[in-house]
Amino acid sequence: MDRVIKKPILTERSLQEATTGRYSFEVDLKADKRQIANAIKKAFSVDVLEIRTRILKGRRVRIRGTRLEKEGAKIKKATVRVPSGQKISVFETA
């Protein structure tokens, strides 16, 4: 598994949580908490205090011209808490 962190989640809520030291990322479905912590440490040079993960099921999408529906892909989100003195620059706003 070469890419554990797929992308940061930059929503209004996640940017508000970033002020308290909690950062949200979309991660690989097969990654465990230890792998996520190591990837965050390596990529952003911060210490990880806590990780919470959740798997979200994909949205249901209607197939055009039919009554059929299909389910989108699942994603895994991880919320990482870092010490109060450390920050991740991706979440900084002007």
C-alpha atoms as a PDB file:
ATOM      1  CA  MET A   1       0.000   0.000   0.000  1.00  0.00           C
ATOM      2  CA  ASP A   2       1.983   2.960  -1.275  1.00  0.00           C
ATOM      3  CA  ARG A   3      -0.623   5.731  -0.822  1.00  0.00           C
ATOM      4  CA  VAL A   4      -2.302   5.664   2.572  1.00  0.00           C
ATOM      5  CA  ILE A   5      -3.481   9.293   2.545  1.00  0.00           C
ATOM      6  CA  LYS A   6      -5.560  10.078  -0.518  1.00  0.00           C
ATOM      7  CA  LYS A   7      -6.513  13.720   0.148  1.00  0.00           C
ATOM      8  CA  PRO A   8      -7.383  16.154   2.935  1.00  0.00           C
ATOM      9  CA  ILE A   9     -11.068  16.854   3.483  1.00  0.00           C
ATOM     10  CA  LEU A  10     -11.532  20.625   3.259  1.00  0.00           C
ATOM     11  CA  THR A  11     -15.098  21.407   4.289  1.00  0.00           C
ATOM     12  CA  GLU A  12     -16.445  24.161   6.480  1.00  0.00           C
ATOM     13  CA  ARG A  13     -16.753  21.782   9.410  1.00  0.00           C
ATOM     14  CA  SER A  14     -13.283  20.265   8.997  1.00  0.00           C
ATOM     15  CA  LEU A  15     -11.682  23.714   8.785  1.00  0.00           C
ATOM     16  CA  GLN A  16     -13.465  24.693  11.991  1.00  0.00           C
ATOM     17  CA  GLU A  17     -12.210  21.513  13.710  1.00  0.00           C
ATOM     18  CA  ALA A  18      -8.682  22.294  12.483  1.00  0.00           C
ATOM     19  CA  THR A  19      -8.580  25.257  14.877  1.00  0.00           C
ATOM     20  CA  THR A  20      -8.854  22.774  17.782  1.00  0.00           C
ATOM     21  CA  GLY A  21      -6.162  20.441  16.408  1.00  0.00           C
ATOM     22  CA  ARG A  22      -8.358  17.885  14.601  1.00  0.00           C
ATOM     23  CA  TYR A  23      -7.675  17.257  10.904  1.00  0.00           C
ATOM     24  CA  SER A  24      -9.714  15.075   8.508  1.00  0.00           C
ATOM     25  CA  PHE A  25      -8.345  13.021   5.633  1.00  0.00           C
ATOM     26  CA  GLU A  26      -9.657  10.522   3.116  1.00  0.00           C
ATOM     27  CA  VAL A  27      -7.513   7.404   3.444  1.00  0.00           C
ATOM     28  CA  ASP A  28      -7.174   4.001   1.815  1.00  0.00           C
ATOM     29  CA  LEU A  29      -9.902   1.506   2.770  1.00  0.00           C
ATOM     30  CA  LYS A  30      -7.368  -1.153   3.800  1.00  0.00           C
ATOM     31  CA  ALA A  31      -5.189   1.152   5.946  1.00  0.00           C
ATOM     32  CA  ASP A  32      -5.232   0.621   9.703  1.00  0.00           C
ATOM     33  CA  LYS A  33      -4.711   3.289  12.367  1.00  0.00           C
ATOM     34  CA  ARG A  34      -1.011   2.564  12.804  1.00  0.00           C
ATOM     35  CA  GLN A  35      -0.340   2.976   9.075  1.00  0.00           C
ATOM     36  CA  ILE A  36      -2.363   6.198   8.985  1.00  0.00           C
ATOM     37  CA  ALA A  37      -0.435   7.626  11.961  1.00  0.00           C
ATOM     38  CA  ASN A  38       2.918   6.818  10.355  1.00  0.00           C
ATOM     39  CA  ALA A  39       1.847   8.384   7.046  1.00  0.00           C
ATOM     40  CA  ILE A  40       0.669  11.590   8.776  1.00  0.00           C
ATOM     41  CA  LYS A  41       3.928  11.824  10.770  1.00  0.00           C
ATOM     42  CA  LYS A  42       6.028  11.330   7.647  1.00  0.00           C
ATOM     43  CA  ALA A  43       4.057  13.679   5.394  1.00  0.00           C
ATOM     44  CA  PHE A  44       3.437  16.609   7.768  1.00  0.00           C
ATOM     45  CA  SER A  45       6.098  16.241  10.532  1.00  0.00           C
ATOM     46  CA  VAL A  46       3.598  16.254  13.420  1.00  0.00           C
ATOM     47  CA  ASP A  47       2.937  13.931  16.361  1.00  0.00           C
ATOM     48  CA  VAL A  48      -0.360  12.036  16.321  1.00  0.00           C
ATOM     49  CA  LEU A  49      -2.254  11.763  19.623  1.00  0.00           C
ATOM     50  CA  GLU A  50      -5.488  10.102  18.460  1.00  0.00           C
ATOM     51  CA  ILE A  51      -7.073   8.714  15.292  1.00  0.00           C
ATOM     52  CA  ARG A  52     -10.744   8.057  14.641  1.00  0.00           C
ATOM     53  CA  THR A  53     -11.762   6.264  11.462  1.00  0.00           C
ATOM     54  CA  ARG A  54     -15.083   5.576   9.798  1.00  0.00           C
ATOM     55  CA  ILE A  55     -16.158   3.944   6.549  1.00  0.00           C
ATOM     56  CA  LEU A  56     -18.902   5.709   4.609  1.00  0.00           C
ATOM     57  CA  LYS A  57     -21.010   3.801   2.125  1.00  0.00           C
ATOM     58  CA  GLY A  58     -21.304   5.193  -1.380  1.00  0.00           C
ATOM     59  CA  ARG A  59     -24.217   7.255  -2.651  1.00  0.00           C
ATOM     60  CA  ARG A  60     -26.986   5.533  -4.567  1.00  0.00           C
ATOM     61  CA  VAL A  61     -27.075   6.762  -8.171  1.00  0.00           C
ATOM     62  CA  ARG A  62     -29.848   6.274 -10.736  1.00  0.00           C
ATOM     63  CA  ILE A  63     -28.732   4.833 -14.066  1.00  0.00           C
ATOM     64  CA  ARG A  64     -29.959   7.165 -16.782  1.00  0.00           C
ATOM     65  CA  GLY A  65     -32.981   5.991 -18.762  1.00  0.00           C
ATOM     66  CA  THR A  66     -33.768   3.050 -16.450  1.00  0.00           C
ATOM     67  CA  ARG A  67     -35.203   2.368 -13.037  1.00  0.00           C
ATOM     68  CA  LEU A  68     -31.990   0.740 -11.918  1.00  0.00           C
ATOM     69  CA  GLU A  69     -29.730   2.157  -9.219  1.00  0.00           C
ATOM     70  CA  LYS A  70     -26.131   1.432  -8.427  1.00  0.00           C
ATOM     71  CA  GLU A  71     -24.124   2.169  -5.319  1.00  0.00           C
ATOM     72  CA  GLY A  72     -21.046   4.389  -5.467  1.00  0.00           C
ATOM     73  CA  ALA A  73     -17.668   3.524  -4.018  1.00  0.00           C
ATOM     74  CA  LYS A  74     -17.074   3.409  -0.251  1.00  0.00           C
ATOM     75  CA  ILE A  75     -14.626   5.863   1.294  1.00  0.00           C
ATOM     76  CA  LYS A  76     -12.754   5.810   4.581  1.00  0.00           C
ATOM     77  CA  LYS A  77     -12.288   8.996   6.593  1.00  0.00           C
ATOM     78  CA  ALA A  78      -9.765   9.494   9.365  1.00  0.00           C
ATOM     79  CA  THR A  79      -9.821  12.328  11.889  1.00  0.00           C
ATOM     80  CA  VAL A  80      -6.408  12.915  13.431  1.00  0.00           C
ATOM     81  CA  ARG A  81      -5.728  14.879  16.621  1.00  0.00           C
ATOM     82  CA  VAL A  82      -2.329  16.532  17.053  1.00  0.00           C
ATOM     83  CA  PRO A  83      -0.808  18.384  20.059  1.00  0.00           C
ATOM     84  CA  SER A  84      -1.856  21.995  20.616  1.00  0.00           C
ATOM     85  CA  GLY A  85       1.429  23.529  19.445  1.00  0.00           C
ATOM     86  CA  GLN A  86       1.545  21.700  16.102  1.00  0.00           C
ATOM     87  CA  LYS A  87      -0.395  22.446  12.910  1.00  0.00           C
ATOM     88  CA  ILE A  88      -0.843  20.999   9.427  1.00  0.00           C
ATOM     89  CA  SER A  89      -0.313  23.708   6.819  1.00  0.00           C
ATOM     90  CA  VAL A  90      -2.842  22.338   4.285  1.00  0.00           C
ATOM     91  CA  PHE A  91      -5.702  23.409   6.569  1.00  0.00           C
ATOM     92  CA  GLU A  92      -4.448  26.969   7.151  1.00  0.00           C
ATOM     93  CA  THR A  93      -6.791  29.678   5.803  1.00  0.00           C
ATOM     94  CA  ALA A  94      -5.926  33.260   5.044  1.00  0.00           C
END
